[in-house]
Amino acid sequence: MKTRPDRETPCPCDPTRRYAECCAALHAGAVAKDAEALMRSRYSAYVLGLEGYLLATWHASTRPQGLELAVGQPSWLDLTVLDHASPGPERAEVEFVARYREGGGSARRLHERSRFVLENGRWWYLDGRFPAARGRSGPA
């Protein structure tokens, strides 16, 4: 796991906000207010190497055994949320583009439309589709 940012560090999901005011509480166990907040906190968790948080917020029906984040871990550059839709009261989708770099290569894009489900008052990452054919394929 990488070191968590201090209180003044910009949040990985939104550099206009401080980590302490954005994703820190969710990473410490707070409940996300909506699917977009959970998706943003999961992006930040990828940046910070918080495998436990990623697995803990992944729905049990689709959760992998592990993620092995240290193996081939890209350097995440930024996140842009394109859309947040709720097709029903207990379902949501968040479309985003995350830019990353592997090694010294050029920046690449991960374009995903993630699905979330609300169960027992908590949002869970379910799975994602990749609308764009280019970029890294992987979960939010």
N, C-alpha and C. Protein backbone atom coordinates (compact mmCIF):
# COMPACT_ATOMS: atom_id res chain seq x y z
N MET A 1 0.84 -1.18 0.00
CA MET A 1 0.00 0.00 0.00
C MET A 1 0.88 1.24 0.00
N LYS A 2 0.48 2.21 -0.78
CA LYS A 2 1.18 3.49 -0.79
C LYS A 2 0.77 4.27 0.45
N THR A 3 1.51 5.32 0.76
CA THR A 3 1.20 6.16 1.90
C THR A 3 -0.04 6.99 1.61
N ARG A 4 -0.96 7.06 2.58
CA ARG A 4 -2.14 7.90 2.39
C ARG A 4 -1.73 9.36 2.46
N PRO A 5 -2.42 10.21 1.69
CA PRO A 5 -2.09 11.63 1.70
C PRO A 5 -2.35 12.26 3.07
N ASP A 6 -1.67 13.36 3.35
CA ASP A 6 -1.95 14.08 4.59
C ASP A 6 -3.19 14.96 4.36
N ARG A 7 -3.60 15.70 5.40
CA ARG A 7 -4.83 16.48 5.36
C ARG A 7 -4.86 17.55 4.27
N GLU A 8 -3.70 18.08 3.91
CA GLU A 8 -3.64 19.19 2.96
C GLU A 8 -3.44 18.73 1.51
N THR A 9 -3.15 17.48 1.30
CA THR A 9 -2.88 16.95 -0.04
C THR A 9 -4.16 16.97 -0.89
N PRO A 10 -4.06 17.37 -2.16
CA PRO A 10 -5.23 17.30 -3.04
C PRO A 10 -5.71 15.85 -3.17
N CYS A 11 -7.01 15.67 -3.28
CA CYS A 11 -7.56 14.33 -3.42
C CYS A 11 -7.28 13.81 -4.83
N PRO A 12 -6.91 12.54 -4.97
CA PRO A 12 -6.67 11.99 -6.31
C PRO A 12 -7.87 12.10 -7.25
N CYS A 13 -9.08 12.02 -6.71
CA CYS A 13 -10.27 12.05 -7.58
C CYS A 13 -10.67 13.46 -8.00
N ASP A 14 -10.20 14.47 -7.27
CA ASP A 14 -10.56 15.86 -7.56
C ASP A 14 -9.53 16.78 -6.93
N PRO A 15 -8.53 17.20 -7.69
CA PRO A 15 -7.45 18.00 -7.12
C PRO A 15 -7.88 19.38 -6.59
N THR A 16 -9.14 19.78 -6.83
CA THR A 16 -9.62 21.04 -6.26
C THR A 16 -10.08 20.87 -4.82
N ARG A 17 -10.14 19.62 -4.33
CA ARG A 17 -10.55 19.32 -2.95
C ARG A 17 -9.41 18.63 -2.22
N ARG A 18 -9.34 18.84 -0.92
CA ARG A 18 -8.32 18.16 -0.12
C ARG A 18 -8.79 16.73 0.18
N TYR A 19 -7.83 15.80 0.23
CA TYR A 19 -8.13 14.40 0.52
C TYR A 19 -8.93 14.27 1.81
N ALA A 20 -8.56 15.03 2.84
CA ALA A 20 -9.24 14.95 4.14
C ALA A 20 -10.71 15.32 4.04
N GLU A 21 -11.09 16.14 3.07
CA GLU A 21 -12.48 16.58 2.91
C GLU A 21 -13.21 15.81 1.82
N CYS A 22 -12.54 14.87 1.20
CA CYS A 22 -13.13 14.17 0.06
C CYS A 22 -13.21 12.67 0.33
N CYS A 23 -12.19 11.92 -0.03
CA CYS A 23 -12.23 10.46 0.04
C CYS A 23 -11.75 9.86 1.36
N ALA A 24 -11.07 10.62 2.19
CA ALA A 24 -10.49 10.06 3.43
C ALA A 24 -11.54 9.39 4.31
N ALA A 25 -12.68 10.02 4.50
CA ALA A 25 -13.72 9.45 5.37
C ALA A 25 -14.25 8.13 4.80
N LEU A 26 -14.43 8.07 3.50
CA LEU A 26 -14.90 6.83 2.88
C LEU A 26 -13.86 5.73 3.03
N HIS A 27 -12.60 6.07 2.84
CA HIS A 27 -11.53 5.09 3.00
C HIS A 27 -11.43 4.61 4.44
N ALA A 28 -11.93 5.41 5.38
CA ALA A 28 -11.91 5.03 6.79
C ALA A 28 -13.19 4.30 7.21
N GLY A 29 -14.14 4.11 6.28
CA GLY A 29 -15.33 3.32 6.58
C GLY A 29 -16.66 4.03 6.50
N ALA A 30 -16.68 5.33 6.21
CA ALA A 30 -17.94 6.06 6.07
C ALA A 30 -18.72 5.53 4.86
N VAL A 31 -20.01 5.74 4.87
CA VAL A 31 -20.88 5.30 3.78
C VAL A 31 -20.95 6.38 2.71
N ALA A 32 -20.79 5.99 1.45
CA ALA A 32 -20.87 6.93 0.33
C ALA A 32 -22.30 7.41 0.16
N LYS A 33 -22.48 8.71 -0.08
CA LYS A 33 -23.82 9.29 -0.23
C LYS A 33 -24.49 8.86 -1.53
N ASP A 34 -23.69 8.56 -2.54
CA ASP A 34 -24.24 8.11 -3.82
C ASP A 34 -23.17 7.31 -4.57
N ALA A 35 -23.58 6.78 -5.72
CA ALA A 35 -22.67 5.94 -6.50
C ALA A 35 -21.47 6.72 -7.02
N GLU A 36 -21.66 7.99 -7.38
CA GLU A 36 -20.53 8.77 -7.87
C GLU A 36 -19.48 8.95 -6.78
N ALA A 37 -19.91 9.22 -5.55
CA ALA A 37 -18.95 9.36 -4.45
C ALA A 37 -18.18 8.06 -4.23
N LEU A 38 -18.89 6.92 -4.34
CA LEU A 38 -18.20 5.63 -4.19
C LEU A 38 -17.21 5.43 -5.33
N MET A 39 -17.63 5.74 -6.56
CA MET A 39 -16.72 5.56 -7.70
C MET A 39 -15.48 6.43 -7.55
N ARG A 40 -15.65 7.68 -7.13
CA ARG A 40 -14.51 8.57 -6.93
C ARG A 40 -13.57 8.02 -5.85
N SER A 41 -14.15 7.50 -4.77
CA SER A 41 -13.32 6.96 -3.69
C SER A 41 -12.59 5.70 -4.15
N ARG A 42 -13.20 4.94 -5.03
CA ARG A 42 -12.54 3.75 -5.56
C ARG A 42 -11.39 4.14 -6.49
N TYR A 43 -11.59 5.17 -7.30
CA TYR A 43 -10.48 5.68 -8.13
C TYR A 43 -9.32 6.08 -7.21
N SER A 44 -9.62 6.87 -6.18
CA SER A 44 -8.57 7.30 -5.24
C SER A 44 -7.90 6.09 -4.59
N ALA A 45 -8.68 5.06 -4.31
CA ALA A 45 -8.11 3.85 -3.71
C ALA A 45 -7.15 3.16 -4.67
N TYR A 46 -7.46 3.15 -5.95
CA TYR A 46 -6.52 2.61 -6.93
C TYR A 46 -5.24 3.42 -6.93
N VAL A 47 -5.36 4.75 -6.93
CA VAL A 47 -4.19 5.61 -6.92
C VAL A 47 -3.32 5.33 -5.69
N LEU A 48 -3.97 5.13 -4.54
CA LEU A 48 -3.26 4.95 -3.27
C LEU A 48 -2.91 3.50 -2.96
N GLY A 49 -3.35 2.57 -3.81
CA GLY A 49 -3.04 1.15 -3.59
C GLY A 49 -3.81 0.53 -2.44
N LEU A 50 -5.06 0.96 -2.21
CA LEU A 50 -5.87 0.46 -1.09
C LEU A 50 -6.71 -0.74 -1.53
N GLU A 51 -6.06 -1.87 -1.73
CA GLU A 51 -6.74 -3.07 -2.21
C GLU A 51 -7.87 -3.49 -1.28
N GLY A 52 -7.65 -3.42 0.02
CA GLY A 52 -8.69 -3.80 0.98
C GLY A 52 -9.97 -3.00 0.80
N TYR A 53 -9.82 -1.70 0.59
CA TYR A 53 -11.00 -0.84 0.39
C TYR A 53 -11.71 -1.21 -0.91
N LEU A 54 -10.95 -1.43 -1.97
CA LEU A 54 -11.55 -1.79 -3.25
C LEU A 54 -12.36 -3.08 -3.13
N LEU A 55 -11.80 -4.07 -2.47
CA LEU A 55 -12.52 -5.34 -2.30
C LEU A 55 -13.73 -5.17 -1.38
N ALA A 56 -13.60 -4.36 -0.35
CA ALA A 56 -14.69 -4.16 0.62
C ALA A 56 -15.87 -3.40 0.02
N THR A 57 -15.66 -2.66 -1.08
CA THR A 57 -16.74 -1.90 -1.70
C THR A 57 -17.24 -2.55 -3.00
N TRP A 58 -16.74 -3.74 -3.27
CA TRP A 58 -17.12 -4.51 -4.46
C TRP A 58 -18.23 -5.46 -4.07
N HIS A 59 -19.31 -5.51 -4.83
CA HIS A 59 -20.44 -6.39 -4.51
C HIS A 59 -19.98 -7.85 -4.47
N ALA A 60 -20.46 -8.58 -3.49
CA ALA A 60 -20.03 -9.97 -3.30
C ALA A 60 -20.28 -10.86 -4.52
N SER A 61 -21.28 -10.55 -5.32
CA SER A 61 -21.61 -11.39 -6.48
C SER A 61 -20.60 -11.28 -7.61
N THR A 62 -19.79 -10.22 -7.62
CA THR A 62 -18.83 -10.03 -8.70
C THR A 62 -17.40 -9.78 -8.19
N ARG A 63 -17.20 -9.79 -6.90
CA ARG A 63 -15.90 -9.47 -6.29
C ARG A 63 -14.86 -10.55 -6.59
N PRO A 64 -13.67 -10.14 -7.05
CA PRO A 64 -12.59 -11.11 -7.25
C PRO A 64 -11.95 -11.48 -5.91
N GLN A 65 -11.13 -12.51 -5.91
CA GLN A 65 -10.41 -12.92 -4.70
C GLN A 65 -9.40 -11.87 -4.27
N GLY A 66 -8.75 -11.24 -5.22
CA GLY A 66 -7.74 -10.23 -4.94
C GLY A 66 -7.46 -9.43 -6.19
N LEU A 67 -6.63 -8.41 -6.05
CA LEU A 67 -6.37 -7.52 -7.18
C LEU A 67 -4.90 -7.46 -7.59
N GLU A 68 -3.98 -7.77 -6.69
CA GLU A 68 -2.55 -7.71 -6.97
C GLU A 68 -2.16 -6.35 -7.56
N LEU A 69 -2.51 -5.28 -6.86
CA LEU A 69 -2.27 -3.93 -7.35
C LEU A 69 -0.80 -3.61 -7.60
N ALA A 70 0.09 -4.20 -6.84
CA ALA A 70 1.51 -3.89 -6.99
C ALA A 70 2.07 -4.40 -8.32
N VAL A 71 1.46 -5.44 -8.88
CA VAL A 71 1.95 -6.03 -10.12
C VAL A 71 1.48 -5.20 -11.31
N GLY A 72 2.40 -4.55 -12.00
CA GLY A 72 2.04 -3.75 -13.17
C GLY A 72 1.19 -2.54 -12.87
N GLN A 73 1.25 -2.03 -11.65
CA GLN A 73 0.44 -0.89 -11.24
C GLN A 73 0.75 0.31 -12.12
N PRO A 74 -0.28 0.86 -12.78
CA PRO A 74 -0.01 2.07 -13.56
C PRO A 74 0.07 3.30 -12.64
N SER A 75 0.54 4.37 -13.20
CA SER A 75 0.55 5.66 -12.51
C SER A 75 -0.69 6.41 -12.97
N TRP A 76 -1.66 6.57 -12.06
CA TRP A 76 -2.91 7.23 -12.40
C TRP A 76 -2.70 8.73 -12.44
N LEU A 77 -3.20 9.39 -13.49
CA LEU A 77 -2.96 10.81 -13.72
C LEU A 77 -4.13 11.70 -13.35
N ASP A 78 -5.34 11.34 -13.76
CA ASP A 78 -6.51 12.15 -13.44
C ASP A 78 -7.80 11.41 -13.77
N LEU A 79 -8.89 11.97 -13.28
CA LEU A 79 -10.21 11.38 -13.42
C LEU A 79 -11.18 12.45 -13.92
N THR A 80 -12.01 12.08 -14.89
CA THR A 80 -13.09 12.94 -15.36
C THR A 80 -14.38 12.13 -15.34
N VAL A 81 -15.36 12.60 -14.57
CA VAL A 81 -16.67 11.95 -14.54
C VAL A 81 -17.50 12.55 -15.67
N LEU A 82 -18.02 11.68 -16.55
CA LEU A 82 -18.79 12.11 -17.70
C LEU A 82 -20.28 12.09 -17.45
N ASP A 83 -20.76 11.14 -16.63
CA ASP A 83 -22.20 11.00 -16.41
C ASP A 83 -22.45 10.22 -15.13
N HIS A 84 -23.54 10.55 -14.44
CA HIS A 84 -24.01 9.81 -13.27
C HIS A 84 -25.52 9.70 -13.42
N ALA A 85 -26.00 8.48 -13.66
CA ALA A 85 -27.42 8.26 -13.90
C ALA A 85 -27.96 7.21 -12.94
N SER A 86 -29.24 7.35 -12.59
CA SER A 86 -29.90 6.38 -11.72
C SER A 86 -31.09 5.78 -12.46
N PRO A 87 -30.91 4.60 -13.08
CA PRO A 87 -32.02 3.98 -13.79
C PRO A 87 -33.13 3.47 -12.85
N GLY A 88 -32.87 3.46 -11.55
CA GLY A 88 -33.85 3.06 -10.55
C GLY A 88 -33.37 3.50 -9.19
N PRO A 89 -34.20 3.39 -8.15
CA PRO A 89 -33.82 3.89 -6.83
C PRO A 89 -32.65 3.12 -6.19
N GLU A 90 -32.42 1.90 -6.63
CA GLU A 90 -31.35 1.09 -6.04
C GLU A 90 -30.28 0.72 -7.06
N ARG A 91 -30.26 1.43 -8.16
CA ARG A 91 -29.28 1.19 -9.22
C ARG A 91 -28.71 2.52 -9.66
N ALA A 92 -27.46 2.50 -10.08
CA ALA A 92 -26.84 3.72 -10.61
C ALA A 92 -25.72 3.33 -11.56
N GLU A 93 -25.41 4.23 -12.46
CA GLU A 93 -24.29 4.06 -13.37
C GLU A 93 -23.48 5.34 -13.38
N VAL A 94 -22.17 5.18 -13.41
CA VAL A 94 -21.26 6.33 -13.48
C VAL A 94 -20.30 6.07 -14.63
N GLU A 95 -20.27 7.00 -15.58
CA GLU A 95 -19.35 6.90 -16.69
C GLU A 95 -18.19 7.86 -16.44
N PHE A 96 -16.98 7.37 -16.66
CA PHE A 96 -15.80 8.18 -16.38
C PHE A 96 -14.67 7.83 -17.34
N VAL A 97 -13.69 8.73 -17.37
CA VAL A 97 -12.43 8.49 -18.07
C VAL A 97 -11.32 8.74 -17.06
N ALA A 98 -10.46 7.76 -16.89
CA ALA A 98 -9.28 7.90 -16.02
C ALA A 98 -8.05 7.77 -16.91
N ARG A 99 -7.16 8.74 -16.79
CA ARG A 99 -5.92 8.68 -17.56
C ARG A 99 -4.82 8.09 -16.69
N TYR A 100 -3.95 7.32 -17.32
CA TYR A 100 -2.86 6.65 -16.60
C TYR A 100 -1.65 6.51 -17.51
N ARG A 101 -0.54 6.17 -16.89
CA ARG A 101 0.71 5.94 -17.63
C ARG A 101 1.34 4.67 -17.06
N GLU A 102 1.84 3.83 -17.94
CA GLU A 102 2.59 2.64 -17.51
C GLU A 102 4.03 2.83 -17.93
N GLY A 103 4.93 2.70 -16.94
CA GLY A 103 6.34 2.92 -17.22
C GLY A 103 6.56 4.34 -17.73
N GLY A 104 7.38 4.49 -18.72
CA GLY A 104 7.65 5.80 -19.28
C GLY A 104 6.84 6.08 -20.53
N GLY A 105 5.81 5.29 -20.77
CA GLY A 105 5.02 5.43 -21.98
C GLY A 105 4.11 6.64 -21.97
N SER A 106 3.41 6.81 -23.06
CA SER A 106 2.45 7.90 -23.21
C SER A 106 1.24 7.66 -22.32
N ALA A 107 0.54 8.74 -22.01
CA ALA A 107 -0.69 8.63 -21.23
C ALA A 107 -1.73 7.86 -22.04
N ARG A 108 -2.49 7.03 -21.34
CA ARG A 108 -3.56 6.25 -21.96
C ARG A 108 -4.85 6.52 -21.21
N ARG A 109 -5.96 6.04 -21.74
CA ARG A 109 -7.27 6.29 -21.14
C ARG A 109 -7.99 5.00 -20.81
N LEU A 110 -8.65 4.99 -19.67
CA LEU A 110 -9.60 3.94 -19.29
C LEU A 110 -10.97 4.61 -19.31
N HIS A 111 -11.82 4.19 -20.20
CA HIS A 111 -13.18 4.74 -20.31
C HIS A 111 -14.13 3.63 -19.87
N GLU A 112 -14.84 3.87 -18.77
CA GLU A 112 -15.71 2.83 -18.21
C GLU A 112 -17.06 3.41 -17.83
N ARG A 113 -18.08 2.60 -17.99
CA ARG A 113 -19.42 2.90 -17.45
C ARG A 113 -19.65 1.84 -16.37
N SER A 114 -19.51 2.28 -15.11
CA SER A 114 -19.61 1.37 -13.97
C SER A 114 -21.05 1.27 -13.49
N ARG A 115 -21.42 0.07 -13.05
CA ARG A 115 -22.76 -0.14 -12.48
C ARG A 115 -22.63 -0.34 -10.97
N PHE A 116 -23.59 0.23 -10.25
CA PHE A 116 -23.62 0.16 -8.79
C PHE A 116 -25.00 -0.26 -8.33
N VAL A 117 -25.04 -0.88 -7.15
CA VAL A 117 -26.31 -1.30 -6.56
C VAL A 117 -26.33 -0.83 -5.11
N LEU A 118 -27.52 -0.41 -4.65
CA LEU A 118 -27.71 0.03 -3.27
C LEU A 118 -28.36 -1.11 -2.50
N GLU A 119 -27.69 -1.60 -1.46
CA GLU A 119 -28.22 -2.67 -0.62
C GLU A 119 -27.96 -2.32 0.84
N ASN A 120 -28.99 -2.42 1.66
CA ASN A 120 -28.86 -2.15 3.10
C ASN A 120 -28.21 -0.79 3.38
N GLY A 121 -28.58 0.22 2.58
CA GLY A 121 -28.10 1.57 2.80
C GLY A 121 -26.69 1.85 2.32
N ARG A 122 -26.07 0.91 1.62
CA ARG A 122 -24.70 1.10 1.12
C ARG A 122 -24.66 0.88 -0.39
N TRP A 123 -23.86 1.71 -1.07
CA TRP A 123 -23.62 1.52 -2.48
C TRP A 123 -22.47 0.54 -2.66
N TRP A 124 -22.59 -0.34 -3.67
CA TRP A 124 -21.58 -1.34 -3.99
C TRP A 124 -21.26 -1.27 -5.48
N TYR A 125 -19.97 -1.38 -5.80
CA TYR A 125 -19.55 -1.50 -7.20
C TYR A 125 -19.95 -2.89 -7.69
N LEU A 126 -20.64 -2.96 -8.81
CA LEU A 126 -21.09 -4.24 -9.36
C LEU A 126 -20.18 -4.69 -10.50
N ASP A 127 -20.09 -3.88 -11.54
CA ASP A 127 -19.23 -4.21 -12.68
C ASP A 127 -19.16 -3.00 -13.60
N GLY A 128 -18.44 -3.15 -14.70
CA GLY A 128 -18.31 -2.04 -15.63
C GLY A 128 -18.23 -2.51 -17.07
N ARG A 129 -18.64 -1.62 -17.94
CA ARG A 129 -18.52 -1.84 -19.39
C ARG A 129 -17.55 -0.80 -19.91
N PHE A 130 -16.93 -1.11 -21.03
CA PHE A 130 -15.91 -0.24 -21.59
C PHE A 130 -16.38 0.28 -22.95
N PRO A 131 -17.02 1.46 -22.97
CA PRO A 131 -17.56 2.00 -24.22
C PRO A 131 -16.49 2.26 -25.27
N ALA A 132 -15.30 2.62 -24.85
CA ALA A 132 -14.21 2.91 -25.81
C ALA A 132 -13.33 1.67 -25.94
N ALA A 133 -12.89 1.38 -27.15
CA ALA A 133 -12.07 0.20 -27.38
C ALA A 133 -10.62 0.42 -26.98
N ARG A 134 -10.19 1.67 -26.82
CA ARG A 134 -8.79 1.94 -26.50
C ARG A 134 -8.61 2.10 -24.99
N GLY A 135 -7.38 1.99 -24.57
CA GLY A 135 -7.08 2.18 -23.15
C GLY A 135 -7.09 0.88 -22.39
N ARG A 136 -6.82 0.98 -21.12
CA ARG A 136 -6.72 -0.17 -20.23
C ARG A 136 -8.12 -0.67 -19.88
N SER A 137 -8.32 -1.95 -19.98
CA SER A 137 -9.57 -2.56 -19.57
C SER A 137 -9.44 -3.02 -18.14
N GLY A 138 -10.32 -2.57 -17.28
CA GLY A 138 -10.26 -2.96 -15.89
C GLY A 138 -11.36 -2.30 -15.11
N PRO A 139 -11.62 -2.79 -13.91
CA PRO A 139 -12.70 -2.26 -13.09
C PRO A 139 -12.39 -0.90 -12.52
N ALA A 140 -13.43 -0.23 -12.10
CA ALA A 140 -13.27 1.08 -11.46
C ALA A 140 -12.79 0.86 -10.09
